PDB file of N, CA and C in Angstrom:
ATOM      1  N   MET A   1     204.488 -57.493 108.437  1.00  0.00           N
ATOM      2  CA  MET A   1     203.639 -58.344 107.746  1.00  0.00           C
ATOM      3  C   MET A   1     202.669 -57.572 106.778  1.00  0.00           C
ATOM      4  N   PRO A   2     202.566 -58.030 105.565  1.00  0.00           N
ATOM      5  CA  PRO A   2     201.705 -57.338 104.574  1.00  0.00           C
ATOM      6  C   PRO A   2     200.244 -57.229 105.088  1.00  0.00           C
ATOM      7  N   ALA A   3     199.592 -56.126 104.719  1.00  0.00           N
ATOM      8  CA  ALA A   3     198.223 -55.935 105.184  1.00  0.00           C
ATOM      9  C   ALA A   3     197.281 -57.065 104.482  1.00  0.00           C
ATOM     10  N   PHE A   4     197.575 -57.435 103.314  1.00  0.00           N
ATOM     11  CA  PHE A   4     196.727 -58.412 102.602  1.00  0.00           C
ATOM     12  C   PHE A   4     196.776 -59.794 103.311  1.00  0.00           C
ATOM     13  N   ILE A   5     197.769 -60.012 104.165  1.00  0.00           N
ATOM     14  CA  ILE A   5     197.804 -61.266 104.975  1.00  0.00           C
ATOM     15  C   ILE A   5     197.225 -60.937 106.355  1.00  0.00           C
ATOM     16  N   ALA A   6     197.703 -59.898 106.956  1.00  0.00           N
ATOM     17  CA  ALA A   6     197.368 -59.564 108.360  1.00  0.00           C
ATOM     18  C   ALA A   6     195.856 -59.332 108.459  1.00  0.00           C
ATOM     19  N   TYR A   7     195.357 -58.486 107.611  1.00  0.00           N
ATOM     20  CA  TYR A   7     193.867 -58.143 107.754  1.00  0.00           C
ATOM     21  C   TYR A   7     192.849 -59.245 107.676  1.00  0.00           C
ATOM     22  N   PRO A   8     192.950 -60.176 106.647  1.00  0.00           N
ATOM     23  CA  PRO A   8     191.971 -61.320 106.722  1.00  0.00           C
ATOM     24  C   PRO A   8     192.172 -62.184 108.052  1.00  0.00           C
ATOM     25  N   LEU A   9     193.421 -62.392 108.401  1.00  0.00           N
ATOM     26  CA  LEU A   9     193.560 -63.240 109.590  1.00  0.00           C
ATOM     27  C   LEU A   9     193.078 -62.528 110.883  1.00  0.00           C
ATOM     28  N   ALA A  10     193.307 -61.242 110.870  1.00  0.00           N
ATOM     29  CA  ALA A  10     192.867 -60.398 111.995  1.00  0.00           C
ATOM     30  C   ALA A  10     191.341 -60.352 112.046  1.00  0.00           C
ATOM     31  N   ALA A  11     190.690 -60.368 110.915  1.00  0.00           N
ATOM     32  CA  ALA A  11     189.206 -60.324 110.867  1.00  0.00           C
ATOM     33  C   ALA A  11     188.687 -61.648 111.293  1.00  0.00           C
ATOM     34  N   LEU A  12     189.321 -62.734 110.900  1.00  0.00           N
ATOM     35  CA  LEU A  12     188.833 -63.995 111.346  1.00  0.00           C
ATOM     36  C   LEU A  12     189.001 -64.113 112.840  1.00  0.00           C
ATOM     37  N   ALA A  13     190.128 -63.675 113.367  1.00  0.00           N
ATOM     38  CA  ALA A  13     190.302 -63.776 114.870  1.00  0.00           C
ATOM     39  C   ALA A  13     189.368 -62.987 115.554  1.00  0.00           C
ATOM     40  N   GLU A  14     189.094 -61.675 115.067  1.00  0.00           N
ATOM     41  CA  GLU A  14     188.220 -60.772 115.838  1.00  0.00           C
ATOM     42  C   GLU A  14     186.770 -61.286 115.817  1.00  0.00           C
ATOM     43  N   ILE A  15     186.346 -61.766 114.654  1.00  0.00           N
ATOM     44  CA  ILE A  15     184.983 -62.263 114.590  1.00  0.00           C
ATOM     45  C   ILE A  15     184.824 -63.484 115.353  1.00  0.00           C
ATOM     46  N   ALA A  16     185.784 -64.442 115.332  1.00  0.00           N
ATOM     47  CA  ALA A  16     185.675 -65.687 116.131  1.00  0.00           C
ATOM     48  C   ALA A  16     185.574 -65.312 117.565  1.00  0.00           C
ATOM     49  N   GLY A  17     186.486 -64.384 118.037  1.00  0.00           N
ATOM     50  CA  GLY A  17     186.519 -64.004 119.424  1.00  0.00           C
ATOM     51  C   GLY A  17     185.222 -63.386 119.925  1.00  0.00           C
ATOM     52  N   CYS A  18     184.687 -62.478 119.036  1.00  0.00           N
ATOM     53  CA  CYS A  18     183.445 -61.720 119.341  1.00  0.00           C
ATOM     54  C   CYS A  18     182.275 -62.760 119.349  1.00  0.00           C
ATOM     55  N   PHE A  19     182.293 -63.676 118.391  1.00  0.00           N
ATOM     56  CA  PHE A  19     181.162 -64.630 118.298  1.00  0.00           C
ATOM     57  C   PHE A  19     181.253 -65.521 119.543  1.00  0.00           C
ATOM     58  N   ALA A  20     182.361 -65.954 120.023  1.00  0.00           N
ATOM     59  CA  ALA A  20     182.464 -66.668 121.227  1.00  0.00           C
ATOM     60  C   ALA A  20     181.671 -66.062 122.397  1.00  0.00           C
ATOM     61  N   ILE A  21     181.966 -64.743 122.571  1.00  0.00           N
ATOM     62  CA  ILE A  21     181.480 -64.009 123.655  1.00  0.00           C
ATOM     63  C   ILE A  21     179.971 -63.847 123.385  1.00  0.00           C
ATOM     64  N   TRP A  22     179.581 -63.524 122.105  1.00  0.00           N
ATOM     65  CA  TRP A  22     178.070 -63.393 121.716  1.00  0.00           C
ATOM     66  C   TRP A  22     177.393 -64.723 122.100  1.00  0.00           C
ATOM     67  N   SER A  23     178.039 -65.885 121.778  1.00  0.00           N
ATOM     68  CA  SER A  23     177.394 -67.193 121.978  1.00  0.00           C
ATOM     69  C   SER A  23     177.156 -67.445 123.432  1.00  0.00           C
ATOM     70  N   TRP A  24     178.205 -67.067 124.258  1.00  0.00           N
ATOM     71  CA  TRP A  24     178.059 -67.271 125.724  1.00  0.00           C
ATOM     72  C   TRP A  24     176.971 -66.337 126.252  1.00  0.00           C
ATOM     73  N   TRP A  25     177.073 -65.055 125.934  1.00  0.00           N
ATOM     74  CA  TRP A  25     176.133 -64.096 126.447  1.00  0.00           C
ATOM     75  C   TRP A  25     174.736 -64.203 125.935  1.00  0.00           C
ATOM     76  N   ARG A  26     174.599 -64.383 124.643  1.00  0.00           N
ATOM     77  CA  ARG A  26     173.184 -64.340 124.057  1.00  0.00           C
ATOM     78  C   ARG A  26     172.589 -65.685 123.717  1.00  0.00           C
ATOM     79  N   LEU A  27     173.433 -66.627 123.459  1.00  0.00           N
ATOM     80  CA  LEU A  27     172.889 -67.938 123.017  1.00  0.00           C
ATOM     81  C   LEU A  27     172.988 -69.004 123.990  1.00  0.00           C
ATOM     82  N   GLY A  28     173.510 -68.734 125.174  1.00  0.00           N
ATOM     83  CA  GLY A  28     173.594 -69.686 126.289  1.00  0.00           C
ATOM     84  C   GLY A  28     174.827 -70.764 126.211  1.00  0.00           C
ATOM     85  N   ALA A  29     175.764 -70.433 125.412  1.00  0.00           N
ATOM     86  CA  ALA A  29     176.965 -71.280 125.420  1.00  0.00           C
ATOM     87  C   ALA A  29     177.663 -71.403 126.707  1.00  0.00           C
ATOM     88  N   PRO A  30     178.306 -72.531 126.930  1.00  0.00           N
ATOM     89  CA  PRO A  30     179.024 -72.578 128.263  1.00  0.00           C
ATOM     90  C   PRO A  30     180.054 -71.475 128.494  1.00  0.00           C
ATOM     91  N   PRO A  31     180.361 -71.053 129.651  1.00  0.00           N
ATOM     92  CA  PRO A  31     181.481 -70.005 129.899  1.00  0.00           C
ATOM     93  C   PRO A  31     182.848 -70.453 129.298  1.00  0.00           C
ATOM     94  N   LEU A  32     183.029 -71.691 129.228  1.00  0.00           N
ATOM     95  CA  LEU A  32     184.414 -72.159 128.580  1.00  0.00           C
ATOM     96  C   LEU A  32     184.587 -71.521 127.216  1.00  0.00           C
ATOM     97  N   TRP A  33     183.479 -71.158 126.517  1.00  0.00           N
ATOM     98  CA  TRP A  33     183.641 -70.545 125.192  1.00  0.00           C
ATOM     99  C   TRP A  33     184.434 -69.162 125.264  1.00  0.00           C
ATOM    100  N   LEU A  34     184.584 -68.583 126.445  1.00  0.00           N
ATOM    101  CA  LEU A  34     185.289 -67.334 126.676  1.00  0.00           C
ATOM    102  C   LEU A  34     186.781 -67.599 126.504  1.00  0.00           C
ATOM    103  N   VAL A  35     187.327 -68.703 126.808  1.00  0.00           N
ATOM    104  CA  VAL A  35     188.700 -69.041 126.781  1.00  0.00           C
ATOM    105  C   VAL A  35     189.268 -68.866 125.394  1.00  0.00           C
ATOM    106  N   PRO A  36     188.723 -69.641 124.374  1.00  0.00           N
ATOM    107  CA  PRO A  36     189.253 -69.416 122.961  1.00  0.00           C
ATOM    108  C   PRO A  36     188.793 -68.077 122.512  1.00  0.00           C
ATOM    109  N   GLY A  37     187.700 -67.518 122.892  1.00  0.00           N
ATOM    110  CA  GLY A  37     187.379 -66.221 122.532  1.00  0.00           C
ATOM    111  C   GLY A  37     188.283 -65.137 122.907  1.00  0.00           C
ATOM    112  N   ILE A  38     188.779 -65.145 124.096  1.00  0.00           N
ATOM    113  CA  ILE A  38     189.797 -64.140 124.574  1.00  0.00           C
ATOM    114  C   ILE A  38     191.079 -64.458 123.779  1.00  0.00           C
ATOM    115  N   GLY A  39     191.529 -65.730 123.598  1.00  0.00           N
ATOM    116  CA  GLY A  39     192.700 -65.998 122.885  1.00  0.00           C
ATOM    117  C   GLY A  39     192.569 -65.426 121.449  1.00  0.00           C
ATOM    118  N   ALA A  40     191.489 -65.583 120.859  1.00  0.00           N
ATOM    119  CA  ALA A  40     191.186 -65.080 119.452  1.00  0.00           C
ATOM    120  C   ALA A  40     191.299 -63.532 119.437  1.00  0.00           C
ATOM    121  N   LEU A  41     190.763 -62.981 120.430  1.00  0.00           N
ATOM    122  CA  LEU A  41     190.881 -61.400 120.532  1.00  0.00           C
ATOM    123  C   LEU A  41     192.280 -60.934 120.665  1.00  0.00           C
ATOM    124  N   MET A  42     193.068 -61.715 121.486  1.00  0.00           N
ATOM    125  CA  MET A  42     194.479 -61.411 121.629  1.00  0.00           C
ATOM    126  C   MET A  42     195.231 -61.608 120.326  1.00  0.00           C
ATOM    127  N   ALA A  43     194.927 -62.663 119.557  1.00  0.00           N
ATOM    128  CA  ALA A  43     195.531 -62.868 118.276  1.00  0.00           C
ATOM    129  C   ALA A  43     195.118 -61.659 117.338  1.00  0.00           C
ATOM    130  N   PHE A  44     193.905 -61.315 117.417  1.00  0.00           N
ATOM    131  CA  PHE A  44     193.452 -60.143 116.552  1.00  0.00           C
ATOM    132  C   PHE A  44     194.319 -58.905 116.778  1.00  0.00           C
ATOM    133  N   GLY A  45     194.507 -58.514 118.107  1.00  0.00           N
ATOM    134  CA  GLY A  45     195.333 -57.380 118.390  1.00  0.00           C
ATOM    135  C   GLY A  45     196.634 -57.471 117.892  1.00  0.00           C
ATOM    136  N   TRP A  46     197.291 -58.642 118.104  1.00  0.00           N
ATOM    137  CA  TRP A  46     198.582 -58.996 117.652  1.00  0.00           C
ATOM    138  C   TRP A  46     198.725 -58.763 116.144  1.00  0.00           C
ATOM    139  N   LEU A  47     197.882 -59.383 115.352  1.00  0.00           N
ATOM    140  CA  LEU A  47     197.920 -59.409 113.991  1.00  0.00           C
ATOM    141  C   LEU A  47     197.748 -57.918 113.404  1.00  0.00           C
ATOM    142  N   LEU A  48     196.859 -57.240 113.971  1.00  0.00           N
ATOM    143  CA  LEU A  48     196.700 -55.849 113.504  1.00  0.00           C
ATOM    144  C   LEU A  48     197.942 -55.010 113.711  1.00  0.00           C
ATOM    145  N   ALA A  49     198.615 -55.301 114.820  1.00  0.00           N
ATOM    146  CA  ALA A  49     199.871 -54.510 115.175  1.00  0.00           C
ATOM    147  C   ALA A  49     200.995 -54.881 114.286  1.00  0.00           C
ATOM    148  N   GLN A  50     200.880 -55.984 113.446  1.00  0.00           N
ATOM    149  CA  GLN A  50     201.972 -56.385 112.530  1.00  0.00           C
ATOM    150  C   GLN A  50     201.956 -55.667 111.202  1.00  0.00           C
ATOM    151  N   VAL A  51     200.827 -54.902 110.928  1.00  0.00           N
ATOM    152  CA  VAL A  51     200.718 -54.098 109.669  1.00  0.00           C
ATOM    153  C   VAL A  51     201.765 -53.040 109.768  1.00  0.00           C
ATOM    154  N   ASP A  52     202.534 -52.906 108.573  1.00  0.00           N
ATOM    155  CA  ASP A  52     203.685 -51.847 108.473  1.00  0.00           C
ATOM    156  C   ASP A  52     203.032 -50.574 107.995  1.00  0.00           C
ATOM    157  N   THR A  53     202.919 -49.629 108.961  1.00  0.00           N
ATOM    158  CA  THR A  53     202.376 -48.342 108.686  1.00  0.00           C
ATOM    159  C   THR A  53     202.921 -47.325 109.690  1.00  0.00           C
ATOM    160  N   VAL A  54     202.900 -46.044 109.386  1.00  0.00           N
ATOM    161  CA  VAL A  54     203.504 -45.089 110.323  1.00  0.00           C
ATOM    162  C   VAL A  54     202.507 -44.670 111.346  1.00  0.00           C
ATOM    163  N   ALA A  55     201.139 -44.993 111.159  1.00  0.00           N
ATOM    164  CA  ALA A  55     200.163 -44.553 112.124  1.00  0.00           C
ATOM    165  C   ALA A  55     199.243 -45.639 112.432  1.00  0.00           C
ATOM    166  N   ALA A  56     199.066 -46.052 113.618  1.00  0.00           N
ATOM    167  CA  ALA A  56     198.088 -47.079 114.035  1.00  0.00           C
ATOM    168  C   ALA A  56     196.731 -46.794 113.477  1.00  0.00           C
ATOM    169  N   GLY A  57     196.302 -45.590 113.614  1.00  0.00           N
ATOM    170  CA  GLY A  57     194.933 -45.157 113.131  1.00  0.00           C
ATOM    171  C   GLY A  57     194.696 -45.487 111.688  1.00  0.00           C
ATOM    172  N   ARG A  58     195.649 -45.352 110.829  1.00  0.00           N
ATOM    173  CA  ARG A  58     195.555 -45.672 109.367  1.00  0.00           C
ATOM    174  C   ARG A  58     195.422 -47.232 109.203  1.00  0.00           C
ATOM    175  N   ALA A  59     196.121 -47.954 109.954  1.00  0.00           N
ATOM    176  CA  ALA A  59     196.035 -49.384 109.980  1.00  0.00           C
ATOM    177  C   ALA A  59     194.628 -49.888 110.457  1.00  0.00           C
ATOM    178  N   PHE A  60     194.117 -49.230 111.500  1.00  0.00           N
ATOM    179  CA  PHE A  60     192.809 -49.615 112.020  1.00  0.00           C
ATOM    180  C   PHE A  60     191.706 -49.157 111.094  1.00  0.00           C
ATOM    181  N   ALA A  61     191.826 -47.906 110.483  1.00  0.00           N
ATOM    182  CA  ALA A  61     190.814 -47.423 109.517  1.00  0.00           C
ATOM    183  C   ALA A  61     190.764 -48.331 108.324  1.00  0.00           C
ATOM    184  N   ALA A  62     191.933 -48.736 107.740  1.00  0.00           N
ATOM    185  CA  ALA A  62     191.883 -49.543 106.545  1.00  0.00           C
ATOM    186  C   ALA A  62     191.273 -50.839 106.821  1.00  0.00           C
ATOM    187  N   TYR A  63     191.656 -51.361 108.056  1.00  0.00           N
ATOM    188  CA  TYR A  63     191.140 -52.756 108.492  1.00  0.00           C
ATOM    189  C   TYR A  63     189.601 -52.796 108.547  1.00  0.00           C
ATOM    190  N   GLY A  64     188.998 -51.677 108.855  1.00  0.00           N
ATOM    191  CA  GLY A  64     187.502 -51.609 109.016  1.00  0.00           C
ATOM    192  C   GLY A  64     186.830 -52.195 107.891  1.00  0.00           C
ATOM    193  N   GLY A  65     187.186 -51.855 106.581  1.00  0.00           N
ATOM    194  CA  GLY A  65     186.513 -52.374 105.415  1.00  0.00           C
ATOM    195  C   GLY A  65     186.639 -53.906 105.372  1.00  0.00           C
ATOM    196  N   VAL A  66     187.792 -54.453 105.596  1.00  0.00           N
ATOM    197  CA  VAL A  66     188.052 -55.861 105.612  1.00  0.00           C
ATOM    198  C   VAL A  66     187.173 -56.522 106.663  1.00  0.00           C
ATOM    199  N   TYR A  67     187.013 -55.926 107.874  1.00  0.00           N
ATOM    200  CA  TYR A  67     186.175 -56.388 108.931  1.00  0.00           C
ATOM    201  C   TYR A  67     184.751 -56.515 108.444  1.00  0.00           C
ATOM    202  N   VAL A  68     184.227 -55.484 107.765  1.00  0.00           N
ATOM    203  CA  VAL A  68     182.861 -55.499 107.310  1.00  0.00           C
ATOM    204  C   VAL A  68     182.586 -56.627 106.362  1.00  0.00           C
ATOM    205  N   ALA A  69     183.641 -56.835 105.394  1.00  0.00           N
ATOM    206  CA  ALA A  69     183.476 -57.842 104.471  1.00  0.00           C
ATOM    207  C   ALA A  69     183.397 -59.301 105.098  1.00  0.00           C
ATOM    208  N   ALA A  70     184.445 -59.404 106.059  1.00  0.00           N
ATOM    209  CA  ALA A  70     184.455 -60.630 106.781  1.00  0.00           C
ATOM    210  C   ALA A  70     183.217 -60.935 107.606  1.00  0.00           C
ATOM    211  N   SER A  71     182.759 -59.929 108.219  1.00  0.00           N
ATOM    212  CA  SER A  71     181.483 -60.192 109.021  1.00  0.00           C
ATOM    213  C   SER A  71     180.312 -60.525 108.162  1.00  0.00           C
ATOM    214  N   VAL A  72     180.175 -59.985 106.910  1.00  0.00           N
ATOM    215  CA  VAL A  72     179.122 -60.412 106.072  1.00  0.00           C
ATOM    216  C   VAL A  72     179.233 -61.804 105.570  1.00  0.00           C
ATOM    217  N   LEU A  73     180.621 -62.216 105.327  1.00  0.00           N
ATOM    218  CA  LEU A  73     180.909 -63.621 104.939  1.00  0.00           C
ATOM    219  C   LEU A  73     180.515 -64.508 106.144  1.00  0.00           C
ATOM    220  N   TRP A  74     180.961 -64.086 107.407  1.00  0.00           N
ATOM    221  CA  TRP A  74     180.603 -64.878 108.626  1.00  0.00           C
ATOM    222  C   TRP A  74     179.051 -65.165 108.729  1.00  0.00           C
ATOM    223  N   MET A  75     178.324 -64.008 108.480  1.00  0.00           N
ATOM    224  CA  MET A  75     176.919 -64.154 108.610  1.00  0.00           C
ATOM    225  C   MET A  75     176.379 -65.166 107.590  1.00  0.00           C
ATOM    226  N   TRP A  76     176.986 -65.211 106.466  1.00  0.00           N
ATOM    227  CA  TRP A  76     176.507 -66.065 105.403  1.00  0.00           C
ATOM    228  C   TRP A  76     176.920 -67.586 105.660  1.00  0.00           C
ATOM    229  N   PHE A  77     178.236 -67.851 105.890  1.00  0.00           N
ATOM    230  CA  PHE A  77     178.729 -69.114 106.019  1.00  0.00           C
ATOM    231  C   PHE A  77     178.552 -69.769 107.407  1.00  0.00           C
ATOM    232  N   ALA A  78     178.826 -68.978 108.466  1.00  0.00           N
ATOM    233  CA  ALA A  78     178.682 -69.491 109.785  1.00  0.00           C
ATOM    234  C   ALA A  78     177.235 -69.456 110.392  1.00  0.00           C
ATOM    235  N   GLU A  79     176.536 -68.483 110.006  1.00  0.00           N
ATOM    236  CA  GLU A  79     175.254 -68.287 110.549  1.00  0.00           C
ATOM    237  C   GLU A  79     174.085 -68.711 109.571  1.00  0.00           C
ATOM    238  N   GLY A  80     174.413 -68.915 108.341  1.00  0.00           N
ATOM    239  CA  GLY A  80     173.458 -69.369 107.427  1.00  0.00           C
ATOM    240  C   GLY A  80     172.481 -68.265 106.902  1.00  0.00           C
ATOM    241  N   VAL A  81     172.828 -67.030 107.062  1.00  0.00           N
ATOM    242  CA  VAL A  81     171.890 -65.904 106.670  1.00  0.00           C
ATOM    243  C   VAL A  81     172.564 -65.369 105.365  1.00  0.00           C
ATOM    244  N   ARG A  82     171.976 -65.498 104.295  1.00  0.00           N
ATOM    245  CA  ARG A  82     172.470 -65.076 102.971  1.00  0.00           C
ATOM    246  C   ARG A  82     172.431 -63.491 102.899  1.00  0.00           C
ATOM    247  N   PRO A  83     173.564 -62.871 102.519  1.00  0.00           N
ATOM    248  CA  PRO A  83     173.491 -61.409 102.393  1.00  0.00           C
ATOM    249  C   PRO A  83     172.496 -60.960 101.213  1.00  0.00           C
ATOM    250  N   ASP A  84     171.954 -59.821 101.513  1.00  0.00           N
ATOM    251  CA  ASP A  84     171.110 -59.299 100.401  1.00  0.00           C
ATOM    252  C   ASP A  84     171.890 -58.202  99.653  1.00  0.00           C
ATOM    253  N   LYS A  85     171.153 -57.596  98.723  1.00  0.00           N
ATOM    254  CA  LYS A  85     171.960 -56.613  97.906  1.00  0.00           C
ATOM    255  C   LYS A  85     172.567 -55.458  98.588  1.00  0.00           C
ATOM    256  N   TRP A  86     171.866 -55.118  99.717  1.00  0.00           N
ATOM    257  CA  TRP A  86     172.309 -53.934 100.526  1.00  0.00           C
ATOM    258  C   TRP A  86     173.550 -54.325 101.313  1.00  0.00           C
ATOM    259  N   ASP A  87     173.673 -55.594 101.718  1.00  0.00           N
ATOM    260  CA  ASP A  87     174.849 -56.085 102.374  1.00  0.00           C
ATOM    261  C   ASP A  87     176.026 -56.039 101.476  1.00  0.00           C
ATOM    262  N   ALA A  88     175.764 -56.441 100.105  1.00  0.00           N
ATOM    263  CA  ALA A  88     176.814 -56.488  99.150  1.00  0.00           C
ATOM    264  C   ALA A  88     177.263 -55.062  98.764  1.00  0.00           C
ATOM    265  N   VAL A  89     176.302 -54.148  98.575  1.00  0.00           N
ATOM    266  CA  VAL A  89     176.648 -52.769  98.159  1.00  0.00           C
ATOM    267  C   VAL A  89     177.459 -52.198  99.300  1.00  0.00           C
ATOM    268  N   GLY A  90     176.986 -52.281 100.579  1.00  0.00           N
ATOM    269  CA  GLY A  90     177.688 -51.694 101.685  1.00  0.00           C
ATOM    270  C   GLY A  90     179.079 -52.281 101.820  1.00  0.00           C
ATOM    271  N   THR A  91     179.238 -53.524 101.708  1.00  0.00           N
ATOM    272  CA  THR A  91     180.527 -54.179 101.671  1.00  0.00           C
ATOM    273  C   THR A  91     181.497 -53.607 100.597  1.00  0.00           C
ATOM    274  N   ALA A  92     180.997 -53.558  99.413  1.00  0.00           N
ATOM    275  CA  ALA A  92     181.792 -52.915  98.301  1.00  0.00           C
ATOM    276  C   ALA A  92     182.247 -51.502  98.618  1.00  0.00           C
ATOM    277  N   VAL A  93     181.319 -50.694  99.183  1.00  0.00           N
ATOM    278  CA  VAL A  93     181.650 -49.330  99.525  1.00  0.00           C
ATOM    279  C   VAL A  93     182.788 -49.376 100.599  1.00  0.00           C
ATOM    280  N   CYS A  94     182.707 -50.148 101.575  1.00  0.00           N
ATOM    281  CA  CYS A  94     183.747 -50.316 102.646  1.00  0.00           C
ATOM    282  C   CYS A  94     185.032 -50.705 102.046  1.00  0.00           C
ATOM    283  N   LEU A  95     185.015 -51.698 101.139  1.00  0.00           N
ATOM    284  CA  LEU A  95     186.295 -52.222 100.556  1.00  0.00           C
ATOM    285  C   LEU A  95     186.910 -51.183  99.658  1.00  0.00           C
ATOM    286  N   PHE A  96     186.146 -50.424  98.983  1.00  0.00           N
ATOM    287  CA  PHE A  96     186.641 -49.313  98.163  1.00  0.00           C
ATOM    288  C   PHE A  96     187.271 -48.216  99.067  1.00  0.00           C
ATOM    289  N   GLY A  97     186.768 -47.884 100.212  1.00  0.00           N
ATOM    290  CA  GLY A  97     187.358 -47.138 101.163  1.00  0.00           C
ATOM    291  C   GLY A  97     188.678 -47.515 101.751  1.00  0.00           C
ATOM    292  N   THR A  98     188.694 -48.913 102.009  1.00  0.00           N
ATOM    293  CA  THR A  98     189.908 -49.501 102.436  1.00  0.00           C
ATOM    294  C   THR A  98     191.077 -49.398 101.321  1.00  0.00           C
ATOM    295  N   ALA A  99     190.668 -49.667 100.102  1.00  0.00           N
ATOM    296  CA  ALA A  99     191.683 -49.475  99.007  1.00  0.00           C
ATOM    297  C   ALA A  99     192.257 -48.103  98.893  1.00  0.00           C
ATOM    298  N   ILE A 100     191.363 -47.101  99.131  1.00  0.00           N
ATOM    299  CA  ILE A 100     191.826 -45.747  99.117  1.00  0.00           C
ATOM    300  C   ILE A 100     192.818 -45.450 100.134  1.00  0.00           C
ATOM    301  N   ILE A 101     192.452 -45.934 101.330  1.00  0.00           N
ATOM    302  CA  ILE A 101     193.467 -45.687 102.518  1.00  0.00           C
ATOM    303  C   ILE A 101     194.694 -46.403 102.289  1.00  0.00           C
ATOM    304  N   LEU A 102     194.678 -47.627 101.819  1.00  0.00           N
ATOM    305  CA  LEU A 102     195.825 -48.440 101.713  1.00  0.00           C
ATOM    306  C   LEU A 102     196.752 -47.951 100.529  1.00  0.00           C
ATOM    307  N   MET A 103     196.131 -47.560  99.343  1.00  0.00           N
ATOM    308  CA  MET A 103     196.877 -47.301  98.185  1.00  0.00           C
ATOM    309  C   MET A 103     196.960 -45.773  97.839  1.00  0.00           C
ATOM    310  N   GLY A 104     196.442 -44.984  98.721  1.00  0.00           N
ATOM    311  CA  GLY A 104     196.573 -43.564  98.394  1.00  0.00           C
ATOM    312  C   GLY A 104     198.031 -43.040  98.489  1.00  0.00           C
ATOM    313  N   PRO A 105     198.376 -42.111  97.660  1.00  0.00           N
ATOM    314  CA  PRO A 105     199.744 -41.565  97.585  1.00  0.00           C
ATOM    315  C   PRO A 105     199.972 -40.882  98.938  1.00  0.00           C
ATOM    316  N   ARG A 106     201.171 -41.096  99.468  1.00  0.00           N
ATOM    317  CA  ARG A 106     201.594 -40.489 100.695  1.00  0.00           C
ATOM    318  C   ARG A 106     202.778 -39.569 100.457  1.00  0.00           C
ATOM    319  N   ASN A 107     202.906 -38.481 101.293  1.00  0.00           N
ATOM    320  CA  ASN A 107     204.105 -37.706 101.236  1.00  0.00           C
ATOM    321  C   ASN A 107     205.184 -38.453 101.958  1.00  0.00           C
ATOM    322  N   ALA A 108     206.355 -38.362 101.386  1.00  0.00           N
ATOM    323  CA  ALA A 108     207.491 -39.206 101.906  1.00  0.00           C
ATOM    324  C   ALA A 108     208.127 -38.486 103.089  1.00  0.00           C
TER     325      ALA A 108
END
């Protein structure tokens, strides 16, 4: 599966799963929130494993920037907290790093 498909889906699954646990633990949501949360985290792991690369660490490192961007968007749209300029700059730096990892020339 191409990274440009797997990474955004993995980010959504990871953030949703973590948010379900956060909601149960910190916001008092019912324990049943853990069921879809665990399912989402399982989907996250599966999606990340679909990225075609020779090293898992490279897939995980490149994913990190996408996760940061998705987390900032989650903060804005799901939690209603508008990102500030430092959120935007930090996200841009992370995505630039992701692009370097994904598109850097590799020895065959």
